[in-house]
Amino acid sequence: MGRKSGLTGDEAYAILHKKIEAGGSGSGGTSDYNDLSNKPKINGVEVSGDKTSDDYGVVSKDQGPENSGKILRVNESGEVLPSDEPEISVVEHVIFLSRPEVETT
């Protein structure tokens, strides 16, 4: 159980209510998102206003009918683009590991 303060429930409520009305010991606040400081960012772009996934540099889940059946690949400059075929690059000194076959009965 908590410690006893000697206050009735009504007295404690009245004190708490006064602190809340006076702003307590907090530093204030806002109910308007646009007034916030230190807003979050996506890819370096502040999350605010009426932005689209393009504004944030995010690949849209709806790539359009012209891209149906294509895969996404990353080009040399880091852009994600639809492609008919994956880009294949040769990698030297690759070791493939496989699990040993397990006999089943």
C-alpha atoms as a PDB file:
ATOM      1  CA  MET A   1       0.000   0.000   0.000  1.00  0.00           C
ATOM      2  CA  GLY A   2       1.029   3.608  -0.494  1.00  0.00           C
ATOM      3  CA  ARG A   3       1.998   5.928   2.319  1.00  0.00           C
ATOM      4  CA  LYS A   4      -0.664   7.840   4.192  1.00  0.00           C
ATOM      5  CA  SER A   5      -0.774  11.601   3.648  1.00  0.00           C
ATOM      6  CA  GLY A   6      -3.476  12.496   6.100  1.00  0.00           C
ATOM      7  CA  LEU A   7      -5.521  14.005   3.260  1.00  0.00           C
ATOM      8  CA  THR A   8      -8.953  12.873   2.259  1.00  0.00           C
ATOM      9  CA  GLY A   9      -9.522  11.805  -1.328  1.00  0.00           C
ATOM     10  CA  ASP A  10     -11.361  15.061  -2.031  1.00  0.00           C
ATOM     11  CA  GLU A  11      -8.500  17.150  -0.596  1.00  0.00           C
ATOM     12  CA  ALA A  12      -5.889  15.274  -2.644  1.00  0.00           C
ATOM     13  CA  TYR A  13      -8.032  15.683  -5.772  1.00  0.00           C
ATOM     14  CA  ALA A  14      -8.385  19.437  -5.145  1.00  0.00           C
ATOM     15  CA  ILE A  15      -4.609  19.859  -4.784  1.00  0.00           C
ATOM     16  CA  LEU A  16      -3.929  17.806  -7.907  1.00  0.00           C
ATOM     17  CA  HIS A  17      -6.570  19.726  -9.860  1.00  0.00           C
ATOM     18  CA  LYS A  18      -4.981  23.073  -8.887  1.00  0.00           C
ATOM     19  CA  LYS A  19      -1.544  21.856 -10.012  1.00  0.00           C
ATOM     20  CA  ILE A  20      -2.922  20.698 -13.351  1.00  0.00           C
ATOM     21  CA  GLU A  21      -4.757  24.006 -13.923  1.00  0.00           C
ATOM     22  CA  ALA A  22      -1.602  25.952 -13.054  1.00  0.00           C
ATOM     23  CA  GLY A  23       0.447  23.868 -15.463  1.00  0.00           C
ATOM     24  CA  GLY A  24       2.130  21.807 -12.774  1.00  0.00           C
ATOM     25  CA  SER A  25       5.895  21.768 -12.993  1.00  0.00           C
ATOM     26  CA  GLY A  26       5.964  21.026 -16.718  1.00  0.00           C
ATOM     27  CA  SER A  27       7.227  23.344 -19.411  1.00  0.00           C
ATOM     28  CA  GLY A  28       3.963  23.809 -21.287  1.00  0.00           C
ATOM     29  CA  GLY A  29       2.751  22.125 -24.426  1.00  0.00           C
ATOM     30  CA  THR A  30       0.616  22.428 -27.510  1.00  0.00           C
ATOM     31  CA  SER A  31      -2.277  20.643 -29.115  1.00  0.00           C
ATOM     32  CA  ASP A  32      -1.200  21.783 -32.610  1.00  0.00           C
ATOM     33  CA  TYR A  33       1.305  19.429 -34.294  1.00  0.00           C
ATOM     34  CA  ASN A  34       2.611  22.256 -36.499  1.00  0.00           C
ATOM     35  CA  ASP A  35       3.701  24.178 -33.375  1.00  0.00           C
ATOM     36  CA  LEU A  36       5.926  21.326 -32.175  1.00  0.00           C
ATOM     37  CA  SER A  37       9.674  21.747 -32.193  1.00  0.00           C
ATOM     38  CA  ASN A  38      11.994  18.894 -33.170  1.00  0.00           C
ATOM     39  CA  LYS A  39       9.504  17.192 -35.497  1.00  0.00           C
ATOM     40  CA  PRO A  40      10.519  13.741 -36.765  1.00  0.00           C
ATOM     41  CA  LYS A  41      12.171  13.326 -40.181  1.00  0.00           C
ATOM     42  CA  ILE A  42      12.075  10.624 -42.831  1.00  0.00           C
ATOM     43  CA  ASN A  43      15.123  10.514 -45.081  1.00  0.00           C
ATOM     44  CA  GLY A  44      16.055  13.983 -43.800  1.00  0.00           C
ATOM     45  CA  VAL A  45      12.655  15.524 -44.666  1.00  0.00           C
ATOM     46  CA  GLU A  46      10.572  16.934 -41.804  1.00  0.00           C
ATOM     47  CA  VAL A  47       7.249  15.150 -41.281  1.00  0.00           C
ATOM     48  CA  SER A  48       4.771  17.988 -41.699  1.00  0.00           C
ATOM     49  CA  GLY A  49       2.154  19.303 -44.075  1.00  0.00           C
ATOM     50  CA  ASP A  50       0.582  17.345 -46.916  1.00  0.00           C
ATOM     51  CA  LYS A  51       3.582  15.414 -48.258  1.00  0.00           C
ATOM     52  CA  THR A  52       3.615  12.302 -50.397  1.00  0.00           C
ATOM     53  CA  SER A  53       5.904   9.274 -50.304  1.00  0.00           C
ATOM     54  CA  ASP A  54       7.846  10.892 -53.180  1.00  0.00           C
ATOM     55  CA  ASP A  55       8.552  13.934 -50.976  1.00  0.00           C
ATOM     56  CA  TYR A  56      10.127  11.610 -48.411  1.00  0.00           C
ATOM     57  CA  GLY A  57      11.967   9.503 -50.988  1.00  0.00           C
ATOM     58  CA  VAL A  58       9.948   6.396 -50.116  1.00  0.00           C
ATOM     59  CA  VAL A  59       9.055   3.788 -52.727  1.00  0.00           C
ATOM     60  CA  SER A  60       5.308   3.753 -53.285  1.00  0.00           C
ATOM     61  CA  LYS A  61       3.535   0.420 -52.805  1.00  0.00           C
ATOM     62  CA  ASP A  62       1.460   1.205 -55.932  1.00  0.00           C
ATOM     63  CA  GLN A  63       3.956   1.281 -58.784  1.00  0.00           C
ATOM     64  CA  GLY A  64       1.276   1.405 -61.498  1.00  0.00           C
ATOM     65  CA  PRO A  65       0.155  -1.109 -64.124  1.00  0.00           C
ATOM     66  CA  GLU A  66       3.146  -0.358 -66.380  1.00  0.00           C
ATOM     67  CA  ASN A  67       5.380  -1.908 -63.723  1.00  0.00           C
ATOM     68  CA  SER A  68       3.307  -5.017 -63.060  1.00  0.00           C
ATOM     69  CA  GLY A  69       5.499  -8.103 -62.738  1.00  0.00           C
ATOM     70  CA  LYS A  70       8.724  -6.113 -62.441  1.00  0.00           C
ATOM     71  CA  ILE A  71      11.159  -6.276 -59.570  1.00  0.00           C
ATOM     72  CA  LEU A  72      12.763  -3.375 -57.724  1.00  0.00           C
ATOM     73  CA  ARG A  73      16.508  -2.835 -57.982  1.00  0.00           C
ATOM     74  CA  VAL A  74      18.922  -0.213 -56.738  1.00  0.00           C
ATOM     75  CA  ASN A  75      20.953   1.637 -59.381  1.00  0.00           C
ATOM     76  CA  GLU A  76      24.465   3.071 -59.002  1.00  0.00           C
ATOM     77  CA  SER A  77      23.202   6.340 -57.487  1.00  0.00           C
ATOM     78  CA  GLY A  78      21.085   4.542 -54.878  1.00  0.00           C
ATOM     79  CA  GLU A  79      17.681   5.059 -56.508  1.00  0.00           C
ATOM     80  CA  VAL A  80      15.173   2.210 -56.278  1.00  0.00           C
ATOM     81  CA  LEU A  81      13.690   1.563 -59.716  1.00  0.00           C
ATOM     82  CA  PRO A  82      11.433  -1.042 -61.349  1.00  0.00           C
ATOM     83  CA  SER A  83      13.309  -3.449 -63.588  1.00  0.00           C
ATOM     84  CA  ASP A  84      12.401  -6.345 -65.876  1.00  0.00           C
ATOM     85  CA  GLU A  85      15.435  -8.346 -64.804  1.00  0.00           C
ATOM     86  CA  PRO A  86      17.752  -8.167 -61.848  1.00  0.00           C
ATOM     87  CA  GLU A  87      21.194  -6.774 -62.427  1.00  0.00           C
ATOM     88  CA  ILE A  88      23.670  -9.582 -62.095  1.00  0.00           C
ATOM     89  CA  SER A  89      27.151  -8.859 -60.939  1.00  0.00           C
ATOM     90  CA  VAL A  90      30.024 -11.267 -60.673  1.00  0.00           C
ATOM     91  CA  VAL A  91      31.378 -11.789 -57.206  1.00  0.00           C
ATOM     92  CA  GLU A  92      34.712 -13.481 -56.831  1.00  0.00           C
ATOM     93  CA  HIS A  93      35.709 -15.800 -54.009  1.00  0.00           C
ATOM     94  CA  VAL A  94      32.213 -16.779 -52.957  1.00  0.00           C
ATOM     95  CA  ILE A  95      31.908 -19.868 -50.801  1.00  0.00           C
ATOM     96  CA  PHE A  96      28.550 -21.614 -50.733  1.00  0.00           C
ATOM     97  CA  LEU A  97      27.810 -23.627 -47.642  1.00  0.00           C
ATOM     98  CA  SER A  98      25.204 -26.324 -47.568  1.00  0.00           C
ATOM     99  CA  ARG A  99      23.821 -28.532 -44.854  1.00  0.00           C
ATOM    100  CA  PRO A 100      24.819 -32.186 -45.014  1.00  0.00           C
ATOM    101  CA  GLU A 101      22.147 -34.539 -46.228  1.00  0.00           C
ATOM    102  CA  VAL A 102      20.259 -36.187 -43.401  1.00  0.00           C
ATOM    103  CA  GLU A 103      18.971 -39.675 -43.975  1.00  0.00           C
ATOM    104  CA  THR A 104      15.374 -40.252 -43.017  1.00  0.00           C
ATOM    105  CA  THR A 105      13.879 -43.626 -42.282  1.00  0.00           C
END
